[in-house]
Amino acid sequence: MTARARVLLIAEAANPEWVSVPLIGWWLSRALSKIADVHVITQIRNRDAFLRAGLIEGEDFTAINSEKIEARSHQLASMLRMGEGKGWTTLQAFQSLTYSYFEHLVWQQFGDNIKNGRYDIVHRITPMSPTSPSPIARKCEAAGVTFVIGPLNGGVPWPQQFGAERRREREWLSYVRDAYKLLPGRNSTLAAAKAIIVGSRHTESEIPNRYRDKCVYISESAVDLSRFWLLDELSGWIRCFWVVGFLLNPVGRAFPVDVTGGGQGRAL
């Protein structure tokens, strides 16, 4: 019988009670726990949700308290984004700048175990943003431990035709979105990673050519089909309307789509 890999999962955002990236972090960590011996490292804000889900602190997961930096950074970013639900690039920029502190604390607590070979793989699941370097990547490489990052899934550039919407959303930093490629640590993170999981072709296109052979494409981030109680009752083809936003196929099968709407907020 092949021994299960010993994996240290870094999922700063992972929460079964939230949505978006934290929920992705949670379900990916749970899926990996079925095929490997994993220990999850997450941020302290997720601790209570992990406990309510039945995980054992110290055995299944460790909660890192990085609020000293992250709480203040979030407060400042919230003010600068100029409104709830706006300025997402501003919020992400602050998160990218402070994430290194989280990994600094991770290394303080787990560095010796990594160097001593307790883990075969260190896998950073979240943050998913490619704008957040991982200082721990080079340290894992130096210790001879495989480092994996992803799925990375950044946003796409704003189309020129949507300038008014861009300004209304307070996306000022989106005008210089490529500046993240100059961040200290980005190149060393990609260089040290043994595998770079990408969640979109656009994200893959922004990985430097010299690292493309490391990329593993996983279309989007998937969903847990057990959360959709109608799955067993659905059969054949499903017709639906896509009016605005994004289309999610919860049943994992192909279906035709009636696209309605003219774009740029025009009325139907």
Protein backbone atom coordinates (compact mmCIF):
# COMPACT_ATOMS: atom_id res chain seq x y z
CA MET A 1 0.00 0.00 0.00
CA THR A 2 1.32 3.43 -0.94
CA ALA A 3 1.83 5.71 2.04
CA ARG A 4 -0.31 8.83 2.12
CA ALA A 5 1.51 12.10 1.56
CA ARG A 6 2.03 14.29 4.61
CA VAL A 7 0.80 17.72 3.59
CA LEU A 8 0.88 21.05 5.38
CA LEU A 9 -1.96 23.08 3.89
CA ILE A 10 -1.80 26.86 4.14
CA ALA A 11 -5.33 28.20 3.83
CA GLU A 12 -5.34 31.65 5.35
CA ALA A 13 -8.92 32.03 4.14
CA ALA A 14 -10.94 28.87 4.81
CA ASN A 15 -14.38 28.86 6.37
CA PRO A 16 -17.35 26.50 5.87
CA GLU A 17 -19.79 29.18 6.97
CA TRP A 18 -18.72 31.88 4.52
CA VAL A 19 -18.78 32.20 0.75
CA SER A 20 -16.33 32.94 -2.07
CA VAL A 21 -12.62 32.33 -1.40
CA PRO A 22 -13.02 31.19 2.25
CA LEU A 23 -15.51 28.51 1.18
CA ILE A 24 -13.21 27.40 -1.63
CA GLY A 25 -10.34 27.16 0.83
CA TRP A 26 -12.46 25.06 3.15
CA TRP A 27 -13.71 22.57 0.55
CA LEU A 28 -10.33 22.14 -1.13
CA SER A 29 -8.73 21.39 2.23
CA ARG A 30 -11.47 18.87 3.03
CA ALA A 31 -11.11 17.20 -0.37
CA LEU A 32 -7.34 16.89 0.04
CA SER A 33 -7.78 15.40 3.51
CA LYS A 34 -9.45 12.39 1.86
CA ILE A 35 -6.32 11.46 -0.07
CA ALA A 36 -3.50 12.73 2.16
CA ASP A 37 -2.61 13.27 5.80
CA VAL A 38 -3.13 17.00 6.04
CA HIS A 39 -2.76 19.64 8.69
CA VAL A 40 -4.46 22.94 7.86
CA ILE A 41 -3.07 26.32 8.85
CA THR A 42 -5.68 29.05 8.81
CA GLN A 43 -6.26 32.51 10.23
CA ILE A 44 -7.67 32.94 13.74
CA ARG A 45 -10.97 34.37 12.43
CA ASN A 46 -11.83 30.90 11.08
CA ARG A 47 -11.09 29.00 14.30
CA ASP A 48 -14.62 28.81 15.72
CA ALA A 49 -16.10 27.68 12.40
CA PHE A 50 -13.48 24.90 12.18
CA LEU A 51 -14.40 23.74 15.67
CA ARG A 52 -18.13 23.82 14.90
CA ALA A 53 -17.42 21.68 11.83
CA GLY A 54 -15.89 19.02 14.08
CA LEU A 55 -12.18 19.56 13.45
CA ILE A 56 -9.75 19.22 16.34
CA GLU A 57 -7.42 22.13 17.02
CA GLY A 58 -3.79 21.09 17.17
CA GLU A 59 -4.53 17.81 15.42
CA ASP A 60 -6.47 18.77 12.28
CA PHE A 61 -5.68 22.45 12.14
CA THR A 62 -3.81 25.37 13.65
CA ALA A 63 -5.19 28.90 13.84
CA ILE A 64 -2.63 31.68 13.42
CA ASN A 65 -3.33 35.01 15.11
CA SER A 66 -2.09 37.67 12.70
CA GLU A 67 -4.64 40.29 13.76
CA LYS A 68 -1.87 42.59 14.97
CA ILE A 69 -1.27 43.56 11.35
CA GLU A 70 -4.26 42.28 9.40
CA ALA A 71 -6.98 43.96 11.45
CA ARG A 72 -5.39 47.38 11.13
CA SER A 73 -4.71 46.87 7.44
CA HIS A 74 -8.32 45.85 6.81
CA GLN A 75 -9.59 48.94 8.60
CA LEU A 76 -7.39 51.21 6.50
CA ALA A 77 -8.30 49.44 3.26
CA SER A 78 -11.99 49.68 4.11
CA MET A 79 -11.69 53.43 4.42
CA LEU A 80 -9.72 53.83 1.19
CA ARG A 81 -12.04 51.66 -0.89
CA MET A 82 -14.68 54.40 -0.50
CA GLY A 83 -17.78 52.29 0.04
CA GLU A 84 -18.90 48.77 0.84
CA GLY A 85 -18.62 46.51 -2.19
CA LYS A 86 -16.36 48.93 -4.05
CA GLY A 87 -12.63 49.25 -4.61
CA TRP A 88 -11.91 45.54 -4.59
CA THR A 89 -8.44 46.05 -6.07
CA THR A 90 -7.61 48.39 -3.17
CA LEU A 91 -8.71 45.78 -0.64
CA GLN A 92 -6.73 43.07 -2.41
CA ALA A 93 -3.64 45.26 -2.58
CA PHE A 94 -3.63 45.68 1.22
CA GLN A 95 -4.23 41.96 1.73
CA SER A 96 -1.29 41.14 -0.51
CA LEU A 97 0.99 43.49 1.40
CA THR A 98 0.09 42.04 4.80
CA TYR A 99 -0.06 38.35 3.87
CA SER A 100 3.70 38.01 4.27
CA TYR A 101 3.26 38.63 8.00
CA PHE A 102 0.88 35.66 8.20
CA GLU A 103 3.46 33.39 6.57
CA HIS A 104 6.14 34.81 8.86
CA LEU A 105 4.11 33.54 11.82
CA VAL A 106 3.53 30.21 10.06
CA TRP A 107 7.27 29.72 9.65
CA GLN A 108 7.90 30.65 13.26
CA GLN A 109 5.58 27.88 14.38
CA PHE A 110 6.16 25.23 11.70
CA GLY A 111 9.60 26.04 10.27
CA ASP A 112 11.44 23.45 12.36
CA ASN A 113 8.97 20.71 11.41
CA ILE A 114 9.31 21.60 7.74
CA LYS A 115 13.11 21.58 7.91
CA ASN A 116 13.11 18.29 9.82
CA GLY A 117 11.08 16.55 7.12
CA ARG A 118 7.81 16.11 8.95
CA TYR A 119 5.92 17.14 5.81
CA ASP A 120 6.37 15.94 2.24
CA ILE A 121 4.51 18.89 0.72
CA VAL A 122 3.62 22.43 1.73
CA HIS A 123 0.63 23.56 -0.32
CA ARG A 124 -0.70 27.13 -0.26
CA ILE A 125 -4.36 27.06 -1.22
CA THR A 126 -5.38 30.56 -0.20
CA PRO A 127 -4.97 33.39 -0.82
CA MET A 128 -5.90 32.57 -4.40
CA SER A 129 -4.75 35.92 -5.71
CA PRO A 130 -1.55 35.81 -7.81
CA THR A 131 -0.70 39.23 -6.32
CA SER A 132 0.24 37.63 -2.97
CA PRO A 133 3.80 36.25 -2.90
CA SER A 134 4.73 33.42 -0.53
CA PRO A 135 7.99 34.04 1.35
CA ILE A 136 7.77 30.50 2.70
CA ALA A 137 8.29 29.08 -0.81
CA ARG A 138 12.05 29.69 -0.87
CA LYS A 139 12.42 28.35 2.66
CA CYS A 140 10.68 25.13 1.66
CA GLU A 141 12.95 24.82 -1.38
CA ALA A 142 16.02 25.30 0.82
CA ALA A 143 14.72 22.58 3.15
CA GLY A 144 14.15 20.18 0.25
CA VAL A 145 10.38 20.17 0.75
CA THR A 146 8.02 20.42 -2.21
CA PHE A 147 6.07 23.69 -2.34
CA VAL A 148 2.84 23.90 -4.34
CA ILE A 149 0.77 27.03 -4.86
CA GLY A 150 -2.78 27.37 -6.13
CA PRO A 151 -5.31 27.44 -7.46
CA LEU A 152 -4.37 30.99 -8.43
CA ASN A 153 -7.28 32.83 -9.96
CA GLY A 154 -6.91 36.59 -10.37
CA GLY A 155 -9.28 39.01 -12.01
CA VAL A 156 -9.24 40.08 -15.64
CA PRO A 157 -8.55 43.61 -16.91
CA TRP A 158 -11.48 46.00 -17.22
CA PRO A 159 -12.67 46.38 -20.85
CA GLN A 160 -12.08 49.91 -22.17
CA GLN A 161 -15.80 50.25 -22.96
CA PHE A 162 -16.68 50.08 -19.25
CA GLY A 163 -14.80 53.15 -18.07
CA ALA A 164 -17.82 54.69 -16.34
CA GLU A 165 -18.54 51.51 -14.39
CA ARG A 166 -14.88 51.24 -13.49
CA ARG A 167 -14.89 54.69 -11.94
CA ARG A 168 -18.21 54.13 -10.22
CA GLU A 169 -16.78 51.02 -8.60
CA ARG A 170 -13.79 53.06 -7.34
CA GLU A 171 -11.36 50.76 -9.10
CA TRP A 172 -8.55 53.30 -9.21
CA LEU A 173 -5.77 50.77 -8.70
CA SER A 174 -7.00 48.71 -11.65
CA TYR A 175 -5.30 51.27 -13.92
CA VAL A 176 -1.96 49.98 -12.64
CA ARG A 177 -2.99 46.35 -12.03
CA ASP A 178 0.17 44.97 -13.64
CA ALA A 179 2.29 46.64 -10.97
CA TYR A 180 1.86 43.53 -8.81
CA LYS A 181 4.31 41.76 -11.13
CA LEU A 182 7.04 43.97 -9.65
CA LEU A 183 6.30 42.99 -6.03
CA PRO A 184 9.29 41.64 -4.10
CA GLY A 185 8.96 37.91 -3.71
CA ARG A 186 6.73 37.22 -6.70
CA ASN A 187 9.48 35.85 -8.90
CA SER A 188 11.09 33.83 -6.09
CA THR A 189 7.70 32.31 -5.20
CA LEU A 190 7.11 31.09 -8.74
CA ALA A 191 10.72 29.92 -9.07
CA ALA A 192 10.60 27.89 -5.86
CA ALA A 193 7.21 26.29 -6.51
CA LYS A 194 7.27 22.76 -7.91
CA ALA A 195 3.74 23.20 -9.26
CA ILE A 196 1.60 26.26 -9.94
CA ILE A 197 -2.10 25.45 -10.11
CA VAL A 198 -4.02 28.00 -12.19
CA GLY A 199 -7.79 28.39 -12.17
CA SER A 200 -8.15 30.22 -15.48
CA ARG A 201 -6.37 30.58 -18.79
CA HIS A 202 -6.02 34.31 -18.19
CA THR A 203 -4.19 33.70 -14.92
CA GLU A 204 -1.95 31.21 -16.70
CA SER A 205 -1.19 33.81 -19.39
CA GLU A 206 0.18 36.15 -16.71
CA ILE A 207 2.66 33.57 -15.42
CA PRO A 208 6.12 34.30 -16.93
CA ASN A 209 7.00 31.97 -19.80
CA ARG A 210 9.95 30.48 -17.92
CA TYR A 211 7.54 29.03 -15.33
CA ARG A 212 4.72 27.91 -17.64
CA ASP A 213 5.89 24.31 -17.64
CA LYS A 214 5.03 24.17 -13.94
CA CYS A 215 1.44 25.25 -14.48
CA VAL A 216 -1.40 22.80 -13.91
CA TYR A 217 -4.72 24.05 -15.26
CA ILE A 218 -7.81 23.26 -13.19
CA SER A 219 -10.84 24.97 -14.67
CA GLU A 220 -12.12 27.33 -11.98
CA SER A 221 -12.36 26.08 -8.43
CA ALA A 222 -15.27 23.64 -8.62
CA VAL A 223 -18.07 23.09 -6.15
CA ASP A 224 -19.11 20.38 -3.73
CA LEU A 225 -22.01 18.63 -5.46
CA SER A 226 -23.32 17.29 -2.15
CA ARG A 227 -24.45 20.82 -1.28
CA PHE A 228 -27.04 20.77 -4.08
CA TRP A 229 -30.00 18.76 -2.87
CA LEU A 230 -31.80 18.83 -6.25
CA LEU A 231 -28.99 16.94 -7.96
CA ASP A 232 -30.65 13.52 -7.79
CA GLU A 233 -33.96 14.89 -9.04
CA LEU A 234 -32.54 16.59 -12.13
CA SER A 235 -32.36 14.75 -15.41
CA GLY A 236 -31.88 15.65 -19.04
CA TRP A 237 -31.34 19.23 -20.16
CA ILE A 238 -31.84 22.33 -18.08
CA ARG A 239 -32.73 25.71 -19.51
CA CYS A 240 -31.82 28.83 -17.60
CA PHE A 241 -31.42 32.57 -18.06
CA TRP A 242 -28.16 34.44 -17.66
CA VAL A 243 -29.18 38.03 -17.11
CA VAL A 244 -26.19 39.53 -15.26
CA GLY A 245 -23.22 38.27 -13.32
CA PHE A 246 -21.77 34.80 -13.64
CA LEU A 247 -23.23 31.47 -14.59
CA LEU A 248 -22.70 28.57 -12.24
CA ASN A 249 -23.38 25.02 -13.32
CA PRO A 250 -24.08 23.28 -9.99
CA VAL A 251 -24.90 19.89 -11.46
CA GLY A 252 -21.65 19.28 -13.30
CA ARG A 253 -23.16 18.68 -16.70
CA ALA A 254 -23.61 20.58 -19.94
CA PHE A 255 -26.79 22.54 -20.59
CA PRO A 256 -27.99 25.17 -23.08
CA VAL A 257 -28.12 28.80 -22.04
CA ASP A 258 -30.47 31.57 -23.16
CA VAL A 259 -28.40 34.77 -22.91
CA THR A 260 -30.54 37.84 -22.29
CA GLY A 261 -29.32 41.43 -22.06
CA GLY A 262 -27.17 43.87 -24.00
CA GLY A 263 -24.32 44.53 -21.59
CA GLN A 264 -23.16 47.75 -19.89
CA GLY A 265 -26.26 47.79 -17.68
CA ARG A 266 -28.76 48.37 -20.48
CA ALA A 267 -32.33 47.45 -19.63
CA LEU A 268 -33.77 44.22 -20.98
